[in-house]
Amino acid sequence: MDIENLPTIYLVAEGPEGLATILDDFLEQSKDPAFAASEHFILYQLGSQKSLIKVDTSKMPFHFRYHDLLGRPATNAVKETIAQFLWEKCGEKERFRYEYPGEDD
């Protein structure tokens, strides 16, 4: 996918903080079934990096598809932001504790 094939509707996230803010907003809005059923795209930007992230909010935990517009792998900042969101806000911490009782997190 290149810049000419971007979806027409997406939110722009500037850096990890912007991505975290949008994900928090998606979590709140996903309580609305119509919102949860729709496709959601984030254009993540940090310096010269531009990446498209598709977020499936229809079920928990959210699912993500990542595509860097220059074909690079996801940066650690993107991976860590999404991982922290899933762990703290989408029930992954609780699922881990249930599946692995007594393990340190």
PDB file of N, CA and C in Angstrom:
ATOM      1  N   MET A   1       0.852  -1.172   0.000  1.00  0.00           N
ATOM      2  CA  MET A   1       0.000   0.000   0.000  1.00  0.00           C
ATOM      3  C   MET A   1       0.896   1.232   0.000  1.00  0.00           C
ATOM      4  N   ASP A   2       0.543   2.191  -0.800  1.00  0.00           N
ATOM      5  CA  ASP A   2       1.300   3.431  -0.802  1.00  0.00           C
ATOM      6  C   ASP A   2       0.373   4.582  -0.446  1.00  0.00           C
ATOM      7  N   ILE A   3       0.929   5.755  -0.385  1.00  0.00           N
ATOM      8  CA  ILE A   3       0.185   6.926   0.082  1.00  0.00           C
ATOM      9  C   ILE A   3      -1.056   7.208  -0.763  1.00  0.00           C
ATOM     10  N   GLU A   4      -1.030   6.838  -2.043  1.00  0.00           N
ATOM     11  CA  GLU A   4      -2.190   7.080  -2.903  1.00  0.00           C
ATOM     12  C   GLU A   4      -3.360   6.153  -2.572  1.00  0.00           C
ATOM     13  N   ASN A   5      -3.086   5.034  -1.897  1.00  0.00           N
ATOM     14  CA  ASN A   5      -4.132   4.061  -1.594  1.00  0.00           C
ATOM     15  C   ASN A   5      -4.596   4.102  -0.144  1.00  0.00           C
ATOM     16  N   LEU A   6      -4.320   5.181   0.545  1.00  0.00           N
ATOM     17  CA  LEU A   6      -4.770   5.300   1.928  1.00  0.00           C
ATOM     18  C   LEU A   6      -6.292   5.347   1.988  1.00  0.00           C
ATOM     19  N   PRO A   7      -6.870   4.802   3.055  1.00  0.00           N
ATOM     20  CA  PRO A   7      -8.307   4.984   3.239  1.00  0.00           C
ATOM     21  C   PRO A   7      -8.613   6.478   3.319  1.00  0.00           C
ATOM     22  N   THR A   8      -9.817   6.846   2.967  1.00  0.00           N
ATOM     23  CA  THR A   8     -10.162   8.268   2.966  1.00  0.00           C
ATOM     24  C   THR A   8     -10.444   8.797   4.366  1.00  0.00           C
ATOM     25  N   ILE A   9     -10.772   7.916   5.296  1.00  0.00           N
ATOM     26  CA  ILE A   9     -11.064   8.358   6.655  1.00  0.00           C
ATOM     27  C   ILE A   9     -10.072   7.700   7.607  1.00  0.00           C
ATOM     28  N   TYR A  10      -9.290   8.529   8.272  1.00  0.00           N
ATOM     29  CA  TYR A  10      -8.342   8.033   9.263  1.00  0.00           C
ATOM     30  C   TYR A  10      -8.030   9.170  10.228  1.00  0.00           C
ATOM     31  N   LEU A  11      -7.567   8.807  11.407  1.00  0.00           N
ATOM     32  CA  LEU A  11      -7.113   9.784  12.378  1.00  0.00           C
ATOM     33  C   LEU A  11      -5.596   9.824  12.329  1.00  0.00           C
ATOM     34  N   VAL A  12      -5.033  10.993  12.542  1.00  0.00           N
ATOM     35  CA  VAL A  12      -3.580  11.147  12.517  1.00  0.00           C
ATOM     36  C   VAL A  12      -3.061  11.131  13.953  1.00  0.00           C
ATOM     37  N   ALA A  13      -2.101  10.243  14.205  1.00  0.00           N
ATOM     38  CA  ALA A  13      -1.444  10.153  15.507  1.00  0.00           C
ATOM     39  C   ALA A  13      -0.008  10.626  15.354  1.00  0.00           C
ATOM     40  N   GLU A  14       0.361  11.617  16.126  1.00  0.00           N
ATOM     41  CA  GLU A  14       1.738  12.123  16.118  1.00  0.00           C
ATOM     42  C   GLU A  14       2.493  11.464  17.267  1.00  0.00           C
ATOM     43  N   GLY A  15       3.310  10.491  16.960  1.00  0.00           N
ATOM     44  CA  GLY A  15       4.142   9.831  17.957  1.00  0.00           C
ATOM     45  C   GLY A  15       3.367   8.903  18.874  1.00  0.00           C
ATOM     46  N   PRO A  16       4.086   8.263  19.799  1.00  0.00           N
ATOM     47  CA  PRO A  16       3.461   7.300  20.708  1.00  0.00           C
ATOM     48  C   PRO A  16       2.355   7.904  21.573  1.00  0.00           C
ATOM     49  N   GLU A  17       2.540   9.134  22.028  1.00  0.00           N
ATOM     50  CA  GLU A  17       1.514   9.763  22.866  1.00  0.00           C
ATOM     51  C   GLU A  17       0.224   9.972  22.088  1.00  0.00           C
ATOM     52  N   GLY A  18       0.344  10.404  20.844  1.00  0.00           N
ATOM     53  CA  GLY A  18      -0.838  10.578  20.005  1.00  0.00           C
ATOM     54  C   GLY A  18      -1.535   9.259  19.732  1.00  0.00           C
ATOM     55  N   LEU A  19      -0.748   8.209  19.501  1.00  0.00           N
ATOM     56  CA  LEU A  19      -1.322   6.883  19.277  1.00  0.00           C
ATOM     57  C   LEU A  19      -2.061   6.403  20.519  1.00  0.00           C
ATOM     58  N   ALA A  20      -1.465   6.569  21.693  1.00  0.00           N
ATOM     59  CA  ALA A  20      -2.106   6.147  22.939  1.00  0.00           C
ATOM     60  C   ALA A  20      -3.420   6.892  23.162  1.00  0.00           C
ATOM     61  N   THR A  21      -3.439   8.175  22.863  1.00  0.00           N
ATOM     62  CA  THR A  21      -4.659   8.973  23.029  1.00  0.00           C
ATOM     63  C   THR A  21      -5.773   8.472  22.117  1.00  0.00           C
ATOM     64  N   ILE A  22      -5.450   8.206  20.862  1.00  0.00           N
ATOM     65  CA  ILE A  22      -6.458   7.715  19.919  1.00  0.00           C
ATOM     66  C   ILE A  22      -6.959   6.340  20.345  1.00  0.00           C
ATOM     67  N   LEU A  23      -6.075   5.468  20.789  1.00  0.00           N
ATOM     68  CA  LEU A  23      -6.508   4.139  21.231  1.00  0.00           C
ATOM     69  C   LEU A  23      -7.440   4.242  22.435  1.00  0.00           C
ATOM     70  N   ASP A  24      -7.144   5.145  23.362  1.00  0.00           N
ATOM     71  CA  ASP A  24      -8.040   5.369  24.498  1.00  0.00           C
ATOM     72  C   ASP A  24      -9.408   5.846  24.023  1.00  0.00           C
ATOM     73  N   ASP A  25      -9.422   6.749  23.048  1.00  0.00           N
ATOM     74  CA  ASP A  25     -10.689   7.228  22.488  1.00  0.00           C
ATOM     75  C   ASP A  25     -11.455   6.089  21.824  1.00  0.00           C
ATOM     76  N   PHE A  26     -10.750   5.246  21.063  1.00  0.00           N
ATOM     77  CA  PHE A  26     -11.398   4.095  20.424  1.00  0.00           C
ATOM     78  C   PHE A  26     -12.006   3.169  21.471  1.00  0.00           C
ATOM     79  N   LEU A  27     -11.309   2.958  22.574  1.00  0.00           N
ATOM     80  CA  LEU A  27     -11.818   2.084  23.630  1.00  0.00           C
ATOM     81  C   LEU A  27     -13.128   2.629  24.183  1.00  0.00           C
ATOM     82  N   GLU A  28     -13.174   3.908  24.440  1.00  0.00           N
ATOM     83  CA  GLU A  28     -14.396   4.528  24.964  1.00  0.00           C
ATOM     84  C   GLU A  28     -15.530   4.456  23.939  1.00  0.00           C
ATOM     85  N   GLN A  29     -15.226   4.794  22.687  1.00  0.00           N
ATOM     86  CA  GLN A  29     -16.255   4.807  21.652  1.00  0.00           C
ATOM     87  C   GLN A  29     -16.714   3.407  21.252  1.00  0.00           C
ATOM     88  N   SER A  30     -15.893   2.389  21.507  1.00  0.00           N
ATOM     89  CA  SER A  30     -16.249   1.025  21.099  1.00  0.00           C
ATOM     90  C   SER A  30     -17.418   0.468  21.898  1.00  0.00           C
ATOM     91  N   LYS A  31     -17.840   1.172  22.940  1.00  0.00           N
ATOM     92  CA  LYS A  31     -19.040   0.767  23.685  1.00  0.00           C
ATOM     93  C   LYS A  31     -20.283   0.926  22.820  1.00  0.00           C
ATOM     94  N   ASP A  32     -20.200   1.778  21.809  1.00  0.00           N
ATOM     95  CA  ASP A  32     -21.283   1.958  20.840  1.00  0.00           C
ATOM     96  C   ASP A  32     -21.141   0.868  19.778  1.00  0.00           C
ATOM     97  N   PRO A  33     -22.135  -0.026  19.648  1.00  0.00           N
ATOM     98  CA  PRO A  33     -22.023  -1.131  18.684  1.00  0.00           C
ATOM     99  C   PRO A  33     -21.779  -0.673  17.248  1.00  0.00           C
ATOM    100  N   ALA A  34     -22.345   0.452  16.849  1.00  0.00           N
ATOM    101  CA  ALA A  34     -22.136   0.944  15.482  1.00  0.00           C
ATOM    102  C   ALA A  34     -20.676   1.344  15.278  1.00  0.00           C
ATOM    103  N   PHE A  35     -20.089   1.990  16.263  1.00  0.00           N
ATOM    104  CA  PHE A  35     -18.676   2.353  16.169  1.00  0.00           C
ATOM    105  C   PHE A  35     -17.809   1.104  16.146  1.00  0.00           C
ATOM    106  N   ALA A  36     -18.094   0.172  17.032  1.00  0.00           N
ATOM    107  CA  ALA A  36     -17.286  -1.050  17.135  1.00  0.00           C
ATOM    108  C   ALA A  36     -17.302  -1.847  15.837  1.00  0.00           C
ATOM    109  N   ALA A  37     -18.405  -1.814  15.121  1.00  0.00           N
ATOM    110  CA  ALA A  37     -18.530  -2.599  13.892  1.00  0.00           C
ATOM    111  C   ALA A  37     -17.859  -1.933  12.687  1.00  0.00           C
ATOM    112  N   SER A  38     -17.512  -0.676  12.798  1.00  0.00           N
ATOM    113  CA  SER A  38     -16.906   0.053  11.678  1.00  0.00           C
ATOM    114  C   SER A  38     -15.402  -0.189  11.608  1.00  0.00           C
ATOM    115  N   GLU A  39     -14.827   0.066  10.419  1.00  0.00           N
ATOM    116  CA  GLU A  39     -13.376   0.002  10.259  1.00  0.00           C
ATOM    117  C   GLU A  39     -12.759   1.304  10.771  1.00  0.00           C
ATOM    118  N   HIS A  40     -11.612   1.187  11.425  1.00  0.00           N
ATOM    119  CA  HIS A  40     -10.927   2.357  11.968  1.00  0.00           C
ATOM    120  C   HIS A  40      -9.461   2.318  11.563  1.00  0.00           C
ATOM    121  N   PHE A  41      -8.989   3.453  11.086  1.00  0.00           N
ATOM    122  CA  PHE A  41      -7.609   3.557  10.624  1.00  0.00           C
ATOM    123  C   PHE A  41      -6.917   4.719  11.315  1.00  0.00           C
ATOM    124  N   ILE A  42      -5.642   4.502  11.611  1.00  0.00           N
ATOM    125  CA  ILE A  42      -4.804   5.538  12.206  1.00  0.00           C
ATOM    126  C   ILE A  42      -3.593   5.723  11.296  1.00  0.00           C
ATOM    127  N   LEU A  43      -3.325   6.964  10.938  1.00  0.00           N
ATOM    128  CA  LEU A  43      -2.083   7.277  10.235  1.00  0.00           C
ATOM    129  C   LEU A  43      -1.101   7.731  11.307  1.00  0.00           C
ATOM    130  N   TYR A  44      -0.141   6.866  11.604  1.00  0.00           N
ATOM    131  CA  TYR A  44       0.857   7.135  12.638  1.00  0.00           C
ATOM    132  C   TYR A  44       2.044   7.843  11.998  1.00  0.00           C
ATOM    133  N   GLN A  45       2.442   8.964  12.593  1.00  0.00           N
ATOM    134  CA  GLN A  45       3.565   9.736  12.062  1.00  0.00           C
ATOM    135  C   GLN A  45       4.562  10.026  13.174  1.00  0.00           C
ATOM    136  N   LEU A  46       5.824   9.843  12.851  1.00  0.00           N
ATOM    137  CA  LEU A  46       6.899  10.220  13.759  1.00  0.00           C
ATOM    138  C   LEU A  46       8.109  10.510  12.892  1.00  0.00           C
ATOM    139  N   GLY A  47       8.453  11.776  12.784  1.00  0.00           N
ATOM    140  CA  GLY A  47       9.531  12.166  11.878  1.00  0.00           C
ATOM    141  C   GLY A  47       9.149  11.813  10.451  1.00  0.00           C
ATOM    142  N   SER A  48      10.020  11.088   9.763  1.00  0.00           N
ATOM    143  CA  SER A  48       9.737  10.703   8.376  1.00  0.00           C
ATOM    144  C   SER A  48       8.916   9.422   8.280  1.00  0.00           C
ATOM    145  N   GLN A  49       8.670   8.783   9.413  1.00  0.00           N
ATOM    146  CA  GLN A  49       7.888   7.546   9.410  1.00  0.00           C
ATOM    147  C   GLN A  49       6.405   7.858   9.258  1.00  0.00           C
ATOM    148  N   LYS A  50       5.765   7.133   8.355  1.00  0.00           N
ATOM    149  CA  LYS A  50       4.314   7.202   8.197  1.00  0.00           C
ATOM    150  C   LYS A  50       3.831   5.769   8.053  1.00  0.00           C
ATOM    151  N   SER A  51       2.920   5.394   8.933  1.00  0.00           N
ATOM    152  CA  SER A  51       2.419   4.029   8.950  1.00  0.00           C
ATOM    153  C   SER A  51       0.914   4.049   9.110  1.00  0.00           C
ATOM    154  N   LEU A  52       0.273   3.085   8.488  1.00  0.00           N
ATOM    155  CA  LEU A  52      -1.170   2.942   8.603  1.00  0.00           C
ATOM    156  C   LEU A  52      -1.457   1.781   9.544  1.00  0.00           C
ATOM    157  N   ILE A  53      -2.289   2.040  10.534  1.00  0.00           N
ATOM    158  CA  ILE A  53      -2.670   1.013  11.496  1.00  0.00           C
ATOM    159  C   ILE A  53      -4.182   0.851  11.418  1.00  0.00           C
ATOM    160  N   LYS A  54      -4.621  -0.365  11.118  1.00  0.00           N
ATOM    161  CA  LYS A  54      -6.050  -0.679  11.116  1.00  0.00           C
ATOM    162  C   LYS A  54      -6.376  -1.299  12.469  1.00  0.00           C
ATOM    163  N   VAL A  55      -7.425  -0.797  13.110  1.00  0.00           N
ATOM    164  CA  VAL A  55      -7.800  -1.267  14.433  1.00  0.00           C
ATOM    165  C   VAL A  55      -9.190  -1.891  14.360  1.00  0.00           C
ATOM    166  N   ASP A  56      -9.274  -3.159  14.732  1.00  0.00           N
ATOM    167  CA  ASP A  56     -10.553  -3.866  14.806  1.00  0.00           C
ATOM    168  C   ASP A  56     -11.057  -3.733  16.236  1.00  0.00           C
ATOM    169  N   THR A  57     -12.096  -2.927  16.417  1.00  0.00           N
ATOM    170  CA  THR A  57     -12.647  -2.670  17.744  1.00  0.00           C
ATOM    171  C   THR A  57     -13.886  -3.504  18.025  1.00  0.00           C
ATOM    172  N   SER A  58     -14.167  -4.482  17.181  1.00  0.00           N
ATOM    173  CA  SER A  58     -15.411  -5.242  17.320  1.00  0.00           C
ATOM    174  C   SER A  58     -15.381  -6.250  18.458  1.00  0.00           C
ATOM    175  N   LYS A  59     -14.191  -6.597  18.956  1.00  0.00           N
ATOM    176  CA  LYS A  59     -14.098  -7.539  20.075  1.00  0.00           C
ATOM    177  C   LYS A  59     -12.855  -7.219  20.885  1.00  0.00           C
ATOM    178  N   MET A  60     -12.849  -7.738  22.113  1.00  0.00           N
ATOM    179  CA  MET A  60     -11.697  -7.536  22.987  1.00  0.00           C
ATOM    180  C   MET A  60     -10.851  -8.785  22.987  1.00  0.00           C
ATOM    181  N   PRO A  61      -9.567  -8.680  23.016  1.00  0.00           N
ATOM    182  CA  PRO A  61      -8.814  -7.440  22.867  1.00  0.00           C
ATOM    183  C   PRO A  61      -8.880  -6.948  21.426  1.00  0.00           C
ATOM    184  N   PHE A  62      -8.681  -5.658  21.242  1.00  0.00           N
ATOM    185  CA  PHE A  62      -8.642  -5.109  19.891  1.00  0.00           C
ATOM    186  C   PHE A  62      -7.575  -5.844  19.085  1.00  0.00           C
ATOM    187  N   HIS A  63      -7.786  -5.891  17.778  1.00  0.00           N
ATOM    188  CA  HIS A  63      -6.796  -6.482  16.872  1.00  0.00           C
ATOM    189  C   HIS A  63      -6.240  -5.384  15.973  1.00  0.00           C
ATOM    190  N   PHE A  64      -4.961  -5.513  15.635  1.00  0.00           N
ATOM    191  CA  PHE A  64      -4.259  -4.481  14.886  1.00  0.00           C
ATOM    192  C   PHE A  64      -3.607  -5.066  13.646  1.00  0.00           C
ATOM    193  N   ARG A  65      -3.638  -4.285  12.571  1.00  0.00           N
ATOM    194  CA  ARG A  65      -2.864  -4.587  11.352  1.00  0.00           C
ATOM    195  C   ARG A  65      -2.015  -3.363  11.087  1.00  0.00           C
ATOM    196  N   TYR A  66      -0.752  -3.591  10.831  1.00  0.00           N
ATOM    197  CA  TYR A  66       0.216  -2.508  10.688  1.00  0.00           C
ATOM    198  C   TYR A  66       0.822  -2.542   9.298  1.00  0.00           C
ATOM    199  N   HIS A  67       0.908  -1.354   8.685  1.00  0.00           N
ATOM    200  CA  HIS A  67       1.559  -1.261   7.377  1.00  0.00           C
ATOM    201  C   HIS A  67       2.335   0.048   7.311  1.00  0.00           C
ATOM    202  N   ASP A  68       3.652  -0.067   7.242  1.00  0.00           N
ATOM    203  CA  ASP A  68       4.497   1.113   7.076  1.00  0.00           C
ATOM    204  C   ASP A  68       4.486   1.493   5.599  1.00  0.00           C
ATOM    205  N   LEU A  69       4.317   2.757   5.310  1.00  0.00           N
ATOM    206  CA  LEU A  69       4.190   3.195   3.922  1.00  0.00           C
ATOM    207  C   LEU A  69       5.490   3.083   3.139  1.00  0.00           C
ATOM    208  N   LEU A  70       6.615   2.872   3.835  1.00  0.00           N
ATOM    209  CA  LEU A  70       7.887   2.636   3.155  1.00  0.00           C
ATOM    210  C   LEU A  70       8.348   1.190   3.311  1.00  0.00           C
ATOM    211  N   GLY A  71       7.491   0.332   3.844  1.00  0.00           N
ATOM    212  CA  GLY A  71       7.793  -1.090   3.945  1.00  0.00           C
ATOM    213  C   GLY A  71       8.666  -1.495   5.112  1.00  0.00           C
ATOM    214  N   ARG A  72       8.856  -0.611   6.062  1.00  0.00           N
ATOM    215  CA  ARG A  72       9.695  -0.937   7.216  1.00  0.00           C
ATOM    216  C   ARG A  72       8.876  -1.666   8.277  1.00  0.00           C
ATOM    217  N   PRO A  73       9.541  -2.421   9.159  1.00  0.00           N
ATOM    218  CA  PRO A  73       8.808  -3.078  10.247  1.00  0.00           C
ATOM    219  C   PRO A  73       8.343  -2.049  11.275  1.00  0.00           C
ATOM    220  N   ALA A  74       7.402  -2.457  12.092  1.00  0.00           N
ATOM    221  CA  ALA A  74       6.907  -1.578  13.153  1.00  0.00           C
ATOM    222  C   ALA A  74       8.050  -1.214  14.093  1.00  0.00           C
ATOM    223  N   THR A  75       8.072   0.028  14.512  1.00  0.00           N
ATOM    224  CA  THR A  75       9.105   0.478  15.443  1.00  0.00           C
ATOM    225  C   THR A  75       8.791  -0.036  16.845  1.00  0.00           C
ATOM    226  N   ASN A  76       9.801  -0.038  17.692  1.00  0.00           N
ATOM    227  CA  ASN A  76       9.587  -0.442  19.082  1.00  0.00           C
ATOM    228  C   ASN A  76       8.585   0.472  19.772  1.00  0.00           C
ATOM    229  N   ALA A  77       8.593   1.752  19.440  1.00  0.00           N
ATOM    230  CA  ALA A  77       7.657   2.691  20.064  1.00  0.00           C
ATOM    231  C   ALA A  77       6.215   2.313  19.751  1.00  0.00           C
ATOM    232  N   VAL A  78       5.934   1.943  18.509  1.00  0.00           N
ATOM    233  CA  VAL A  78       4.577   1.531  18.126  1.00  0.00           C
ATOM    234  C   VAL A  78       4.218   0.233  18.835  1.00  0.00           C
ATOM    235  N   LYS A  79       5.115  -0.742  18.797  1.00  0.00           N
ATOM    236  CA  LYS A  79       4.840  -2.037  19.429  1.00  0.00           C
ATOM    237  C   LYS A  79       4.613  -1.885  20.930  1.00  0.00           C
ATOM    238  N   GLU A  80       5.438  -1.083  21.584  1.00  0.00           N
ATOM    239  CA  GLU A  80       5.300  -0.894  23.026  1.00  0.00           C
ATOM    240  C   GLU A  80       4.019  -0.150  23.383  1.00  0.00           C
ATOM    241  N   THR A  81       3.642   0.835  22.583  1.00  0.00           N
ATOM    242  CA  THR A  81       2.410   1.583  22.841  1.00  0.00           C
ATOM    243  C   THR A  81       1.198   0.674  22.724  1.00  0.00           C
ATOM    244  N   ILE A  82       1.148  -0.130  21.667  1.00  0.00           N
ATOM    245  CA  ILE A  82       0.025  -1.048  21.479  1.00  0.00           C
ATOM    246  C   ILE A  82       0.028  -2.119  22.565  1.00  0.00           C
ATOM    247  N   ALA A  83       1.198  -2.676  22.883  1.00  0.00           N
ATOM    248  CA  ALA A  83       1.283  -3.713  23.917  1.00  0.00           C
ATOM    249  C   ALA A  83       0.819  -3.184  25.271  1.00  0.00           C
ATOM    250  N   GLN A  84       1.241  -1.981  25.623  1.00  0.00           N
ATOM    251  CA  GLN A  84       0.825  -1.396  26.898  1.00  0.00           C
ATOM    252  C   GLN A  84      -0.685  -1.164  26.915  1.00  0.00           C
ATOM    253  N   PHE A  85      -1.235  -0.692  25.809  1.00  0.00           N
ATOM    254  CA  PHE A  85      -2.680  -0.481  25.712  1.00  0.00           C
ATOM    255  C   PHE A  85      -3.426  -1.801  25.912  1.00  0.00           C
ATOM    256  N   LEU A  86      -3.003  -2.851  25.215  1.00  0.00           N
ATOM    257  CA  LEU A  86      -3.658  -4.155  25.343  1.00  0.00           C
ATOM    258  C   LEU A  86      -3.526  -4.698  26.762  1.00  0.00           C
ATOM    259  N   TRP A  87      -2.357  -4.548  27.347  1.00  0.00           N
ATOM    260  CA  TRP A  87      -2.092  -5.072  28.683  1.00  0.00           C
ATOM    261  C   TRP A  87      -2.916  -4.344  29.736  1.00  0.00           C
ATOM    262  N   GLU A  88      -2.893  -3.019  29.690  1.00  0.00           N
ATOM    263  CA  GLU A  88      -3.535  -2.223  30.730  1.00  0.00           C
ATOM    264  C   GLU A  88      -5.037  -2.021  30.535  1.00  0.00           C
ATOM    265  N   LYS A  89      -5.494  -1.935  29.285  1.00  0.00           N
ATOM    266  CA  LYS A  89      -6.864  -1.476  29.058  1.00  0.00           C
ATOM    267  C   LYS A  89      -7.765  -2.452  28.323  1.00  0.00           C
ATOM    268  N   CYS A  90      -7.196  -3.511  27.755  1.00  0.00           N
ATOM    269  CA  CYS A  90      -8.017  -4.457  26.985  1.00  0.00           C
ATOM    270  C   CYS A  90      -8.090  -5.836  27.628  1.00  0.00           C
ATOM    271  N   GLY A  91      -7.712  -5.930  28.893  1.00  0.00           N
ATOM    272  CA  GLY A  91      -7.898  -7.172  29.623  1.00  0.00           C
ATOM    273  C   GLY A  91      -6.800  -8.207  29.509  1.00  0.00           C
ATOM    274  N   GLU A  92      -5.706  -7.878  28.852  1.00  0.00           N
ATOM    275  CA  GLU A  92      -4.647  -8.877  28.702  1.00  0.00           C
ATOM    276  C   GLU A  92      -3.945  -9.183  30.027  1.00  0.00           C
ATOM    277  N   LYS A  93      -3.826  -8.197  30.905  1.00  0.00           N
ATOM    278  CA  LYS A  93      -3.217  -8.450  32.209  1.00  0.00           C
ATOM    279  C   LYS A  93      -4.073  -9.442  32.999  1.00  0.00           C
ATOM    280  N   GLU A  94      -5.387  -9.242  32.998  1.00  0.00           N
ATOM    281  CA  GLU A  94      -6.288 -10.133  33.715  1.00  0.00           C
ATOM    282  C   GLU A  94      -6.288 -11.529  33.100  1.00  0.00           C
ATOM    283  N   ARG A  95      -6.256 -11.597  31.776  1.00  0.00           N
ATOM    284  CA  ARG A  95      -6.229 -12.894  31.105  1.00  0.00           C
ATOM    285  C   ARG A  95      -4.956 -13.653  31.471  1.00  0.00           C
ATOM    286  N   PHE A  96      -3.833 -12.958  31.488  1.00  0.00           N
ATOM    287  CA  PHE A  96      -2.562 -13.578  31.868  1.00  0.00           C
ATOM    288  C   PHE A  96      -2.636 -14.124  33.290  1.00  0.00           C
ATOM    289  N   ARG A  97      -3.149 -13.332  34.210  1.00  0.00           N
ATOM    290  CA  ARG A  97      -3.252 -13.773  35.611  1.00  0.00           C
ATOM    291  C   ARG A  97      -4.181 -14.969  35.750  1.00  0.00           C
ATOM    292  N   TYR A  98      -5.227 -15.014  34.949  1.00  0.00           N
ATOM    293  CA  TYR A  98      -6.152 -16.147  34.980  1.00  0.00           C
ATOM    294  C   TYR A  98      -5.480 -17.403  34.420  1.00  0.00           C
ATOM    295  N   GLU A  99      -4.797 -17.258  33.295  1.00  0.00           N
ATOM    296  CA  GLU A  99      -4.181 -18.413  32.637  1.00  0.00           C
ATOM    297  C   GLU A  99      -2.906 -18.880  33.329  1.00  0.00           C
ATOM    298  N   TYR A 100      -2.220 -17.978  34.017  1.00  0.00           N
ATOM    299  CA  TYR A 100      -0.957 -18.313  34.677  1.00  0.00           C
ATOM    300  C   TYR A 100      -0.981 -17.824  36.121  1.00  0.00           C
ATOM    301  N   PRO A 101      -1.836 -18.420  36.958  1.00  0.00           N
ATOM    302  CA  PRO A 101      -1.919 -17.955  38.350  1.00  0.00           C
ATOM    303  C   PRO A 101      -0.575 -18.122  39.062  1.00  0.00           C
ATOM    304  N   GLY A 102      -0.245 -17.141  39.857  1.00  0.00           N
ATOM    305  CA  GLY A 102       0.993 -17.190  40.618  1.00  0.00           C
ATOM    306  C   GLY A 102       2.212 -16.681  39.876  1.00  0.00           C
ATOM    307  N   GLU A 103       2.086 -16.419  38.586  1.00  0.00           N
ATOM    308  CA  GLU A 103       3.219 -15.891  37.813  1.00  0.00           C
ATOM    309  C   GLU A 103       3.338 -14.392  38.063  1.00  0.00           C
ATOM    310  N   ASP A 104       4.552 -13.903  38.071  1.00  0.00           N
ATOM    311  CA  ASP A 104       4.768 -12.455  38.195  1.00  0.00           C
ATOM    312  C   ASP A 104       4.474 -11.793  36.867  1.00  0.00           C
ATOM    313  N   ASP A 105       3.905 -10.607  36.915  1.00  0.00           N
ATOM    314  CA  ASP A 105       3.705  -9.845  35.684  1.00  0.00           C
ATOM    315  C   ASP A 105       4.606  -8.671  35.738  1.00  0.00           C
TER     316      ASP A 105
END
